[in-house]
Every structure is written in structure tokens, then in C-alpha cells.
All heavy atoms as atom14 arrays in JSON, in Angstrom:
{
  "sequence": "SIYLYFHVIIHTALSLIFLWDIQLWWIAALVGLSHFVIDAAKLSF",
  "atom14_mask": [
    [1, 1, 1, 1, 1, 1, 0, 0, 0, 0, 0, 0, 0, 0],
    [1, 1, 1, 1, 1, 1, 1, 1, 0, 0, 0, 0, 0, 0],
    [1, 1, 1, 1, 1, 1, 1, 1, 1, 1, 1, 1, 0, 0],
    [1, 1, 1, 1, 1, 1, 1, 1, 0, 0, 0, 0, 0, 0],
    [1, 1, 1, 1, 1, 1, 1, 1, 1, 1, 1, 1, 0, 0],
    [1, 1, 1, 1, 1, 1, 1, 1, 1, 1, 1, 0, 0, 0],
    [1, 1, 1, 1, 1, 1, 1, 1, 1, 1, 0, 0, 0, 0],
    [1, 1, 1, 1, 1, 1, 1, 0, 0, 0, 0, 0, 0, 0],
    [1, 1, 1, 1, 1, 1, 1, 1, 0, 0, 0, 0, 0, 0],
    [1, 1, 1, 1, 1, 1, 1, 1, 0, 0, 0, 0, 0, 0],
    [1, 1, 1, 1, 1, 1, 1, 1, 1, 1, 0, 0, 0, 0],
    [1, 1, 1, 1, 1, 1, 1, 0, 0, 0, 0, 0, 0, 0],
    [1, 1, 1, 1, 1, 0, 0, 0, 0, 0, 0, 0, 0, 0],
    [1, 1, 1, 1, 1, 1, 1, 1, 0, 0, 0, 0, 0, 0],
    [1, 1, 1, 1, 1, 1, 0, 0, 0, 0, 0, 0, 0, 0],
    [1, 1, 1, 1, 1, 1, 1, 1, 0, 0, 0, 0, 0, 0],
    [1, 1, 1, 1, 1, 1, 1, 1, 0, 0, 0, 0, 0, 0],
    [1, 1, 1, 1, 1, 1, 1, 1, 1, 1, 1, 0, 0, 0],
    [1, 1, 1, 1, 1, 1, 1, 1, 0, 0, 0, 0, 0, 0],
    [1, 1, 1, 1, 1, 1, 1, 1, 1, 1, 1, 1, 1, 1],
    [1, 1, 1, 1, 1, 1, 1, 1, 0, 0, 0, 0, 0, 0],
    [1, 1, 1, 1, 1, 1, 1, 1, 0, 0, 0, 0, 0, 0],
    [1, 1, 1, 1, 1, 1, 1, 1, 1, 0, 0, 0, 0, 0],
    [1, 1, 1, 1, 1, 1, 1, 1, 0, 0, 0, 0, 0, 0],
    [1, 1, 1, 1, 1, 1, 1, 1, 1, 1, 1, 1, 1, 1],
    [1, 1, 1, 1, 1, 1, 1, 1, 1, 1, 1, 1, 1, 1],
    [1, 1, 1, 1, 1, 1, 1, 1, 0, 0, 0, 0, 0, 0],
    [1, 1, 1, 1, 1, 0, 0, 0, 0, 0, 0, 0, 0, 0],
    [1, 1, 1, 1, 1, 0, 0, 0, 0, 0, 0, 0, 0, 0],
    [1, 1, 1, 1, 1, 1, 1, 1, 0, 0, 0, 0, 0, 0],
    [1, 1, 1, 1, 1, 1, 1, 0, 0, 0, 0, 0, 0, 0],
    [1, 1, 1, 1, 0, 0, 0, 0, 0, 0, 0, 0, 0, 0],
    [1, 1, 1, 1, 1, 1, 1, 1, 0, 0, 0, 0, 0, 0],
    [1, 1, 1, 1, 1, 1, 0, 0, 0, 0, 0, 0, 0, 0],
    [1, 1, 1, 1, 1, 1, 1, 1, 1, 1, 0, 0, 0, 0],
    [1, 1, 1, 1, 1, 1, 1, 1, 1, 1, 1, 0, 0, 0],
    [1, 1, 1, 1, 1, 1, 1, 0, 0, 0, 0, 0, 0, 0],
    [1, 1, 1, 1, 1, 1, 1, 1, 0, 0, 0, 0, 0, 0],
    [1, 1, 1, 1, 1, 1, 1, 1, 0, 0, 0, 0, 0, 0],
    [1, 1, 1, 1, 1, 0, 0, 0, 0, 0, 0, 0, 0, 0],
    [1, 1, 1, 1, 1, 0, 0, 0, 0, 0, 0, 0, 0, 0],
    [1, 1, 1, 1, 1, 1, 1, 1, 1, 0, 0, 0, 0, 0],
    [1, 1, 1, 1, 1, 1, 1, 1, 0, 0, 0, 0, 0, 0],
    [1, 1, 1, 1, 1, 1, 0, 0, 0, 0, 0, 0, 0, 0],
    [1, 1, 1, 1, 1, 1, 1, 1, 1, 1, 1, 0, 0, 0]
  ],
  "atom14_positions": [
    [[-2.13, 6.13, -6.38], [-2.04, 4.82, -5.79], [-3.24, 3.89, -6.26], [-4.35, 4.17, -6.21], [-2.11, 5.02, -4.26], [-2.21, 3.67, -3.7], [0.0, 0.0, 0.0], [0.0, 0.0, 0.0], [0.0, 0.0, 0.0], [0.0, 0.0, 0.0], [0.0, 0.0, 0.0], [0.0, 0.0, 0.0], [0.0, 0.0, 0.0], [0.0, 0.0, 0.0]],
    [[-2.8, 2.79, -6.75], [-3.7, 1.82, -7.25], [-4.57, 1.26, -6.13], [-5.73, 0.83, -6.39], [-3.03, 0.68, -8.05], [-4.1, -0.24, -8.8], [-2.21, -0.19, -7.04], [-3.39, -1.18, -9.71], [0.0, 0.0, 0.0], [0.0, 0.0, 0.0], [0.0, 0.0, 0.0], [0.0, 0.0, 0.0], [0.0, 0.0, 0.0], [0.0, 0.0, 0.0]],
    [[-4.01, 1.27, -4.92], [-4.76, 0.76, -3.77], [-5.97, 1.51, -3.4], [-6.82, 1.03, -2.63], [-3.83, 0.58, -2.59], [-2.76, -0.52, -2.85], [-1.34, -0.11, -3.01], [-3.08, -1.89, -3.07], [-0.46, -1.02, -3.17], [-2.16, -2.82, -3.37], [-0.75, -2.44, -3.44], [0.16, -3.36, -3.74], [0.0, 0.0, 0.0], [0.0, 0.0, 0.0]],
    [[-5.84, 2.72, -3.77], [-7.15, 3.6, -3.46], [-8.28, 3.13, -4.24], [-9.41, 3.05, -3.68], [-6.8, 5.14, -3.91], [-7.97, 6.05, -3.87], [-8.6, 6.25, -2.46], [-7.55, 7.41, -4.45], [0.0, 0.0, 0.0], [0.0, 0.0, 0.0], [0.0, 0.0, 0.0], [0.0, 0.0, 0.0], [0.0, 0.0, 0.0], [0.0, 0.0, 0.0]],
    [[-8.05, 2.7, -5.43], [-9.11, 2.25, -6.36], [-9.54, 0.8, -5.92], [-10.76, 0.46, -5.95], [-8.73, 2.34, -7.83], [-8.3, 3.72, -8.18], [-7.01, 4.16, -8.11], [-9.3, 4.7, -8.49], [-6.56, 5.43, -8.36], [-8.91, 5.99, -8.7], [-7.63, 6.38, -8.64], [-7.31, 7.62, -8.9], [0.0, 0.0, 0.0], [0.0, 0.0, 0.0]],
    [[-8.64, 0.01, -5.46], [-8.97, -1.34, -5.0], [-9.88, -1.2, -3.65], [-10.74, -1.89, -3.5], [-7.64, -2.05, -4.53], [-6.89, -2.6, -5.73], [-5.53, -3.12, -5.56], [-7.48, -2.62, -7.0], [-4.85, -3.6, -6.64], [-6.66, -3.18, -8.06], [-5.44, -3.7, -7.92], [0.0, 0.0, 0.0], [0.0, 0.0, 0.0], [0.0, 0.0, 0.0]],
    [[-9.42, -0.23, -2.79], [-10.18, 0.07, -1.58], [-11.62, 0.49, -1.95], [-12.56, 0.03, -1.17], [-9.42, 1.19, -0.85], [-9.98, 1.58, 0.47], [-10.2, 0.66, 1.5], [-10.51, 2.75, 0.89], [-10.76, 1.28, 2.51], [-11.09, 2.58, 2.17], [0.0, 0.0, 0.0], [0.0, 0.0, 0.0], [0.0, 0.0, 0.0], [0.0, 0.0, 0.0]],
    [[-11.78, 1.34, -2.93], [-13.11, 1.75, -3.29], [-13.99, 0.55, -3.83], [-15.14, 0.46, -3.52], [-13.1, 2.88, -4.38], [-14.49, 3.19, -4.9], [-12.49, 4.1, -3.72], [0.0, 0.0, 0.0], [0.0, 0.0, 0.0], [0.0, 0.0, 0.0], [0.0, 0.0, 0.0], [0.0, 0.0, 0.0], [0.0, 0.0, 0.0], [0.0, 0.0, 0.0]],
    [[-13.37, -0.18, -4.63], [-14.06, -1.4, -5.33], [-14.43, -2.33, -4.13], [-15.57, -2.94, -4.2], [-13.14, -2.09, -6.27], [-12.94, -1.34, -7.49], [-13.7, -3.54, -6.68], [-11.87, -1.71, -8.49], [0.0, 0.0, 0.0], [0.0, 0.0, 0.0], [0.0, 0.0, 0.0], [0.0, 0.0, 0.0], [0.0, 0.0, 0.0], [0.0, 0.0, 0.0]],
    [[-13.54, -2.63, -3.18], [-13.9, -3.44, -1.93], [-15.1, -2.9, -1.3], [-16.06, -3.69, -0.9], [-12.69, -3.67, -1.14], [-11.71, -4.56, -1.91], [-13.14, -4.24, 0.23], [-10.33, -4.53, -1.1], [0.0, 0.0, 0.0], [0.0, 0.0, 0.0], [0.0, 0.0, 0.0], [0.0, 0.0, 0.0], [0.0, 0.0, 0.0], [0.0, 0.0, 0.0]],
    [[-15.16, -1.69, -1.08], [-16.28, -0.94, -0.35], [-17.61, -1.18, -1.01], [-18.66, -1.47, -0.42], [-15.99, 0.46, 0.0], [-15.37, 0.69, 1.24], [-16.13, 0.71, 2.47], [-14.09, 1.04, 1.61], [-15.34, 1.05, 3.49], [-14.13, 1.2, 3.06], [0.0, 0.0, 0.0], [0.0, 0.0, 0.0], [0.0, 0.0, 0.0], [0.0, 0.0, 0.0]],
    [[-17.5, -1.03, -2.34], [-18.62, -1.06, -3.2], [-19.24, -2.58, -3.21], [-20.35, -2.75, -2.9], [-18.47, -0.68, -4.65], [-17.86, 0.6, -4.66], [-19.66, -0.69, -5.48], [0.0, 0.0, 0.0], [0.0, 0.0, 0.0], [0.0, 0.0, 0.0], [0.0, 0.0, 0.0], [0.0, 0.0, 0.0], [0.0, 0.0, 0.0], [0.0, 0.0, 0.0]],
    [[-18.26, -3.52, -3.3], [-18.65, -4.84, -3.38], [-19.32, -5.39, -1.93], [-20.21, -6.02, -1.89], [-17.43, -5.82, -3.72], [0.0, 0.0, 0.0], [0.0, 0.0, 0.0], [0.0, 0.0, 0.0], [0.0, 0.0, 0.0], [0.0, 0.0, 0.0], [0.0, 0.0, 0.0], [0.0, 0.0, 0.0], [0.0, 0.0, 0.0], [0.0, 0.0, 0.0]],
    [[-18.58, -4.95, -0.86], [-19.09, -5.26, 0.42], [-20.47, -4.62, 0.68], [-21.31, -5.3, 1.28], [-18.09, -4.8, 1.51], [-16.78, -5.55, 1.64], [-15.84, -4.8, 2.69], [-17.09, -6.95, 2.23], [0.0, 0.0, 0.0], [0.0, 0.0, 0.0], [0.0, 0.0, 0.0], [0.0, 0.0, 0.0], [0.0, 0.0, 0.0], [0.0, 0.0, 0.0]],
    [[-20.67, -3.5, 0.28], [-21.99, -2.87, 0.54], [-23.14, -3.63, -0.33], [-24.15, -3.89, 0.28], [-21.97, -1.43, -0.01], [-21.15, -0.57, 0.72], [0.0, 0.0, 0.0], [0.0, 0.0, 0.0], [0.0, 0.0, 0.0], [0.0, 0.0, 0.0], [0.0, 0.0, 0.0], [0.0, 0.0, 0.0], [0.0, 0.0, 0.0], [0.0, 0.0, 0.0]],
    [[-22.73, -4.11, -1.52], [-23.8, -4.89, -2.24], [-23.92, -6.26, -1.65], [-25.16, -6.74, -1.55], [-23.26, -5.0, -3.65], [-24.24, -5.58, -4.71], [-25.49, -4.68, -4.79], [-23.54, -5.62, -6.09], [0.0, 0.0, 0.0], [0.0, 0.0, 0.0], [0.0, 0.0, 0.0], [0.0, 0.0, 0.0], [0.0, 0.0, 0.0], [0.0, 0.0, 0.0]],
    [[-22.92, -6.82, -1.14], [-23.0, -8.08, -0.58], [-23.89, -8.12, 0.76], [-24.66, -8.92, 0.89], [-21.65, -8.72, -0.19], [-20.97, -9.04, -1.49], [-21.76, -9.95, 0.67], [-19.48, -9.41, -1.33], [0.0, 0.0, 0.0], [0.0, 0.0, 0.0], [0.0, 0.0, 0.0], [0.0, 0.0, 0.0], [0.0, 0.0, 0.0], [0.0, 0.0, 0.0]],
    [[-23.62, -7.04, 1.57], [-24.36, -6.96, 2.81], [-25.83, -6.61, 2.69], [-26.74, -6.99, 3.34], [-23.69, -5.92, 3.8], [-22.61, -6.59, 4.64], [-21.22, -6.57, 4.22], [-22.95, -7.14, 5.81], [-20.33, -7.19, 4.98], [-21.92, -7.76, 6.67], [-20.62, -7.76, 6.16], [0.0, 0.0, 0.0], [0.0, 0.0, 0.0], [0.0, 0.0, 0.0]],
    [[-26.11, -5.79, 1.65], [-27.49, -5.44, 1.35], [-28.19, -6.58, 0.74], [-29.44, -6.74, 1.0], [-27.53, -4.17, 0.28], [-27.06, -2.87, 0.81], [-26.87, -1.9, -0.28], [-27.94, -2.37, 1.91], [0.0, 0.0, 0.0], [0.0, 0.0, 0.0], [0.0, 0.0, 0.0], [0.0, 0.0, 0.0], [0.0, 0.0, 0.0], [0.0, 0.0, 0.0]],
    [[-27.47, -7.37, -0.13], [-28.12, -8.62, -0.59], [-29.38, -8.38, -1.36], [-30.46, -9.14, -1.28], [-28.29, -9.64, 0.41], [-28.21, -11.02, -0.04], [-29.33, -11.93, -0.17], [-27.11, -11.76, -0.58], [-28.96, -13.14, -0.74], [-27.59, -13.01, -1.07], [-25.68, -11.49, -0.83], [-26.71, -14.04, -1.6], [-24.92, -12.36, -1.39], [-25.42, -13.61, -1.77]],
    [[-29.44, -7.2, -2.2], [-30.56, -6.97, -2.96], [-30.08, -6.28, -4.23], [-29.67, -5.08, -4.06], [-31.53, -6.07, -2.16], [-32.88, -5.88, -2.91], [-32.93, -6.1, -4.14], [-33.89, -5.47, -2.32], [0.0, 0.0, 0.0], [0.0, 0.0, 0.0], [0.0, 0.0, 0.0], [0.0, 0.0, 0.0], [0.0, 0.0, 0.0], [0.0, 0.0, 0.0]],
    [[-30.16, -6.84, -5.36], [-29.66, -6.27, -6.58], [-30.35, -5.02, -6.93], [-29.82, -4.13, -7.56], [-29.77, -7.21, -7.79], [-28.8, -6.81, -8.94], [-31.15, -7.4, -8.23], [-27.35, -6.78, -8.63], [0.0, 0.0, 0.0], [0.0, 0.0, 0.0], [0.0, 0.0, 0.0], [0.0, 0.0, 0.0], [0.0, 0.0, 0.0], [0.0, 0.0, 0.0]],
    [[-31.59, -4.86, -6.47], [-32.25, -3.61, -6.79], [-31.71, -2.39, -5.96], [-32.06, -1.25, -6.33], [-33.71, -3.72, -6.29], [-34.51, -4.72, -7.21], [-35.99, -4.87, -6.95], [-36.47, -4.41, -5.82], [-36.71, -5.58, -7.67], [0.0, 0.0, 0.0], [0.0, 0.0, 0.0], [0.0, 0.0, 0.0], [0.0, 0.0, 0.0], [0.0, 0.0, 0.0]],
    [[-30.86, -2.6, -4.99], [-30.21, -1.6, -4.17], [-28.88, -1.34, -4.68], [-28.0, -0.77, -3.97], [-30.23, -1.93, -2.67], [-31.67, -2.07, -2.04], [-31.45, -2.52, -0.6], [-32.44, -0.87, -2.19], [0.0, 0.0, 0.0], [0.0, 0.0, 0.0], [0.0, 0.0, 0.0], [0.0, 0.0, 0.0], [0.0, 0.0, 0.0], [0.0, 0.0, 0.0]],
    [[-28.56, -1.65, -6.01], [-27.18, -1.56, -6.47], [-26.7, -0.11, -6.36], [-25.51, 0.19, -6.27], [-27.11, -2.07, -7.84], [-28.09, -1.15, -8.91], [-29.29, -1.44, -9.25], [-27.61, 0.05, -9.55], [-29.75, -0.51, -10.09], [-28.76, 0.45, -10.33], [-26.44, 0.74, -9.54], [-28.74, 1.6, -11.02], [-26.47, 1.89, -10.42], [-27.53, 2.33, -11.11]],
    [[-27.71, 0.82, -6.65], [-27.37, 2.21, -6.59], [-26.91, 2.73, -5.31], [-26.05, 3.6, -5.23], [-28.61, 3.05, -7.0], [-29.79, 3.03, -6.03], [-30.8, 2.13, -5.91], [-29.86, 3.98, -4.99], [-31.67, 2.57, -4.87], [-31.06, 3.66, -4.25], [-29.26, 5.08, -4.56], [-31.55, 4.31, -3.21], [-29.67, 5.83, -3.44], [-30.89, 5.34, -2.68]],
    [[-27.27, 2.04, -4.14], [-26.73, 2.38, -2.8], [-25.34, 2.05, -2.72], [-24.45, 2.84, -2.18], [-27.56, 1.81, -1.73], [-29.02, 2.31, -1.72], [-26.94, 1.99, -0.34], [-29.82, 1.63, -0.57], [0.0, 0.0, 0.0], [0.0, 0.0, 0.0], [0.0, 0.0, 0.0], [0.0, 0.0, 0.0], [0.0, 0.0, 0.0], [0.0, 0.0, 0.0]],
    [[-24.95, 0.82, -3.16], [-23.59, 0.38, -3.22], [-22.73, 1.36, -4.04], [-21.56, 1.64, -3.61], [-23.5, -1.03, -3.61], [0.0, 0.0, 0.0], [0.0, 0.0, 0.0], [0.0, 0.0, 0.0], [0.0, 0.0, 0.0], [0.0, 0.0, 0.0], [0.0, 0.0, 0.0], [0.0, 0.0, 0.0], [0.0, 0.0, 0.0], [0.0, 0.0, 0.0]],
    [[-23.29, 1.72, -5.21], [-22.42, 2.68, -6.13], [-22.26, 3.94, -5.48], [-21.2, 4.64, -5.52], [-23.19, 2.81, -7.46], [0.0, 0.0, 0.0], [0.0, 0.0, 0.0], [0.0, 0.0, 0.0], [0.0, 0.0, 0.0], [0.0, 0.0, 0.0], [0.0, 0.0, 0.0], [0.0, 0.0, 0.0], [0.0, 0.0, 0.0], [0.0, 0.0, 0.0]],
    [[-23.41, 4.47, -4.76], [-23.24, 5.75, -4.01], [-22.2, 5.67, -2.96], [-21.42, 6.62, -2.77], [-24.63, 6.16, -3.49], [-24.69, 7.46, -2.68], [-24.24, 8.62, -3.62], [-26.12, 7.69, -2.19], [0.0, 0.0, 0.0], [0.0, 0.0, 0.0], [0.0, 0.0, 0.0], [0.0, 0.0, 0.0], [0.0, 0.0, 0.0], [0.0, 0.0, 0.0]],
    [[-22.24, 4.56, -2.12], [-21.19, 4.38, -1.1], [-19.86, 4.35, -1.65], [-18.9, 5.05, -1.08], [-21.47, 3.16, -0.33], [-20.33, 2.73, 0.58], [-22.83, 3.18, 0.47], [0.0, 0.0, 0.0], [0.0, 0.0, 0.0], [0.0, 0.0, 0.0], [0.0, 0.0, 0.0], [0.0, 0.0, 0.0], [0.0, 0.0, 0.0], [0.0, 0.0, 0.0]],
    [[-19.58, 3.65, -2.72], [-18.3, 3.65, -3.32], [-17.82, 4.97, -3.96], [-16.74, 5.35, -3.63], [0.0, 0.0, 0.0], [0.0, 0.0, 0.0], [0.0, 0.0, 0.0], [0.0, 0.0, 0.0], [0.0, 0.0, 0.0], [0.0, 0.0, 0.0], [0.0, 0.0, 0.0], [0.0, 0.0, 0.0], [0.0, 0.0, 0.0], [0.0, 0.0, 0.0]],
    [[-18.78, 5.61, -4.51], [-18.46, 6.95, -5.11], [-18.08, 8.0, -4.18], [-17.15, 8.66, -4.1], [-19.57, 7.51, -6.01], [-19.36, 8.82, -6.65], [-18.15, 8.89, -7.49], [-20.66, 9.31, -7.37], [0.0, 0.0, 0.0], [0.0, 0.0, 0.0], [0.0, 0.0, 0.0], [0.0, 0.0, 0.0], [0.0, 0.0, 0.0], [0.0, 0.0, 0.0]],
    [[-18.94, 8.03, -3.01], [-18.78, 8.99, -1.94], [-17.44, 8.62, -1.14], [-16.71, 9.52, -0.72], [-19.92, 9.02, -0.95], [-20.11, 7.69, -0.29], [0.0, 0.0, 0.0], [0.0, 0.0, 0.0], [0.0, 0.0, 0.0], [0.0, 0.0, 0.0], [0.0, 0.0, 0.0], [0.0, 0.0, 0.0], [0.0, 0.0, 0.0], [0.0, 0.0, 0.0]],
    [[-17.14, 7.33, -1.08], [-15.89, 6.85, -0.34], [-14.67, 7.39, -1.18], [-13.79, 7.8, -0.54], [-15.89, 5.33, -0.24], [-15.14, 4.91, 0.95], [-15.7, 4.53, 2.24], [-13.76, 4.74, 1.11], [-14.74, 4.24, 2.92], [-13.57, 4.34, 2.37], [0.0, 0.0, 0.0], [0.0, 0.0, 0.0], [0.0, 0.0, 0.0], [0.0, 0.0, 0.0]],
    [[-14.76, 7.33, -2.45], [-13.61, 7.73, -3.32], [-13.46, 9.33, -3.09], [-12.29, 9.78, -2.95], [-13.85, 7.37, -4.77], [-12.87, 8.08, -5.67], [-11.57, 7.54, -5.72], [-13.21, 9.23, -6.4], [-10.63, 8.17, -6.58], [-12.22, 9.87, -7.21], [-10.91, 9.27, -7.25], [0.0, 0.0, 0.0], [0.0, 0.0, 0.0], [0.0, 0.0, 0.0]],
    [[-14.51, 10.05, -3.13], [-14.46, 11.52, -3.04], [-13.94, 11.88, -1.65], [-13.03, 12.72, -1.56], [-15.88, 12.15, -3.29], [-15.78, 13.64, -2.91], [-16.33, 11.95, -4.78], [0.0, 0.0, 0.0], [0.0, 0.0, 0.0], [0.0, 0.0, 0.0], [0.0, 0.0, 0.0], [0.0, 0.0, 0.0], [0.0, 0.0, 0.0], [0.0, 0.0, 0.0]],
    [[-14.32, 11.33, -0.62], [-13.99, 11.58, 0.83], [-12.46, 11.27, 0.95], [-11.61, 11.98, 1.48], [-14.81, 10.91, 1.78], [-16.27, 11.47, 1.75], [-14.28, 11.17, 3.23], [-17.34, 10.66, 2.41], [0.0, 0.0, 0.0], [0.0, 0.0, 0.0], [0.0, 0.0, 0.0], [0.0, 0.0, 0.0], [0.0, 0.0, 0.0], [0.0, 0.0, 0.0]],
    [[-12.02, 10.04, 0.57], [-10.74, 9.6, 0.73], [-9.81, 10.34, -0.18], [-8.63, 10.66, 0.19], [-10.56, 8.08, 0.29], [-11.03, 7.22, 1.38], [-11.66, 7.63, 2.33], [-10.68, 6.0, 1.36], [0.0, 0.0, 0.0], [0.0, 0.0, 0.0], [0.0, 0.0, 0.0], [0.0, 0.0, 0.0], [0.0, 0.0, 0.0], [0.0, 0.0, 0.0]],
    [[-10.23, 10.83, -1.43], [-9.35, 11.63, -2.24], [-9.15, 13.03, -1.55], [-7.96, 13.51, -1.6], [-10.1, 11.76, -3.65], [0.0, 0.0, 0.0], [0.0, 0.0, 0.0], [0.0, 0.0, 0.0], [0.0, 0.0, 0.0], [0.0, 0.0, 0.0], [0.0, 0.0, 0.0], [0.0, 0.0, 0.0], [0.0, 0.0, 0.0], [0.0, 0.0, 0.0]],
    [[-10.17, 13.56, -0.92], [-9.98, 14.8, -0.27], [-9.04, 14.7, 0.96], [-8.11, 15.6, 1.14], [-11.32, 15.35, 0.22], [0.0, 0.0, 0.0], [0.0, 0.0, 0.0], [0.0, 0.0, 0.0], [0.0, 0.0, 0.0], [0.0, 0.0, 0.0], [0.0, 0.0, 0.0], [0.0, 0.0, 0.0], [0.0, 0.0, 0.0], [0.0, 0.0, 0.0]],
    [[-9.23, 13.62, 1.68], [-8.35, 13.39, 2.81], [-6.9, 13.25, 2.35], [-6.02, 13.87, 2.92], [-8.75, 12.09, 3.57], [-7.93, 11.62, 4.58], [-8.21, 10.31, 5.25], [-7.26, 9.83, 6.16], [-7.52, 8.38, 6.66], [0.0, 0.0, 0.0], [0.0, 0.0, 0.0], [0.0, 0.0, 0.0], [0.0, 0.0, 0.0], [0.0, 0.0, 0.0]],
    [[-6.7, 12.51, 1.23], [-5.32, 12.29, 0.83], [-4.67, 13.59, 0.36], [-3.44, 13.77, 0.37], [-5.3, 11.19, -0.29], [-5.57, 9.75, 0.23], [-5.73, 8.87, -1.0], [-4.58, 9.24, 1.21], [0.0, 0.0, 0.0], [0.0, 0.0, 0.0], [0.0, 0.0, 0.0], [0.0, 0.0, 0.0], [0.0, 0.0, 0.0], [0.0, 0.0, 0.0]],
    [[-5.49, 14.44, -0.29], [-4.97, 15.64, -0.87], [-4.68, 16.71, 0.07], [-3.7, 17.51, -0.17], [-6.02, 16.22, -1.97], [-6.3, 15.28, -2.99], [0.0, 0.0, 0.0], [0.0, 0.0, 0.0], [0.0, 0.0, 0.0], [0.0, 0.0, 0.0], [0.0, 0.0, 0.0], [0.0, 0.0, 0.0], [0.0, 0.0, 0.0], [0.0, 0.0, 0.0]],
    [[-5.42, 16.76, 1.2], [-5.21, 17.89, 2.2], [-4.59, 17.44, 3.45], [-4.32, 18.25, 4.26], [-6.61, 18.5, 2.44], [-7.17, 19.13, 1.18], [-8.33, 18.49, 0.63], [-6.7, 20.37, 0.62], [-8.89, 19.16, -0.58], [-7.23, 20.94, -0.54], [-8.34, 20.23, -1.17], [0.0, 0.0, 0.0], [0.0, 0.0, 0.0], [0.0, 0.0, 0.0]]
  ]
}
């Protein structure tokens, strides 16, 4: 589903916007990556 990837991108972008600090980009990336892994596991099982 393409919406899974849209969903992850939205989470990553929102995290970065709310943090409002470009130096914390890795946190937004971690949130997005973990969200994808968790959602993928949920959808699979």
C-alpha cells in the first residue's frame, strides 16, 4: 500500500516540525523508521 509510506513520511515531517530544530533531524528519522517497522509488523501479523 502506497499509503503506508505516505503515513510514515507524514509522521517524520510532523516530528521534525514539532521539534523545530534541524539538529534533531535524527529523532524525526528514528520516529519515522520505527513507525514503519511497527506498522509493517502489525499489518503482517
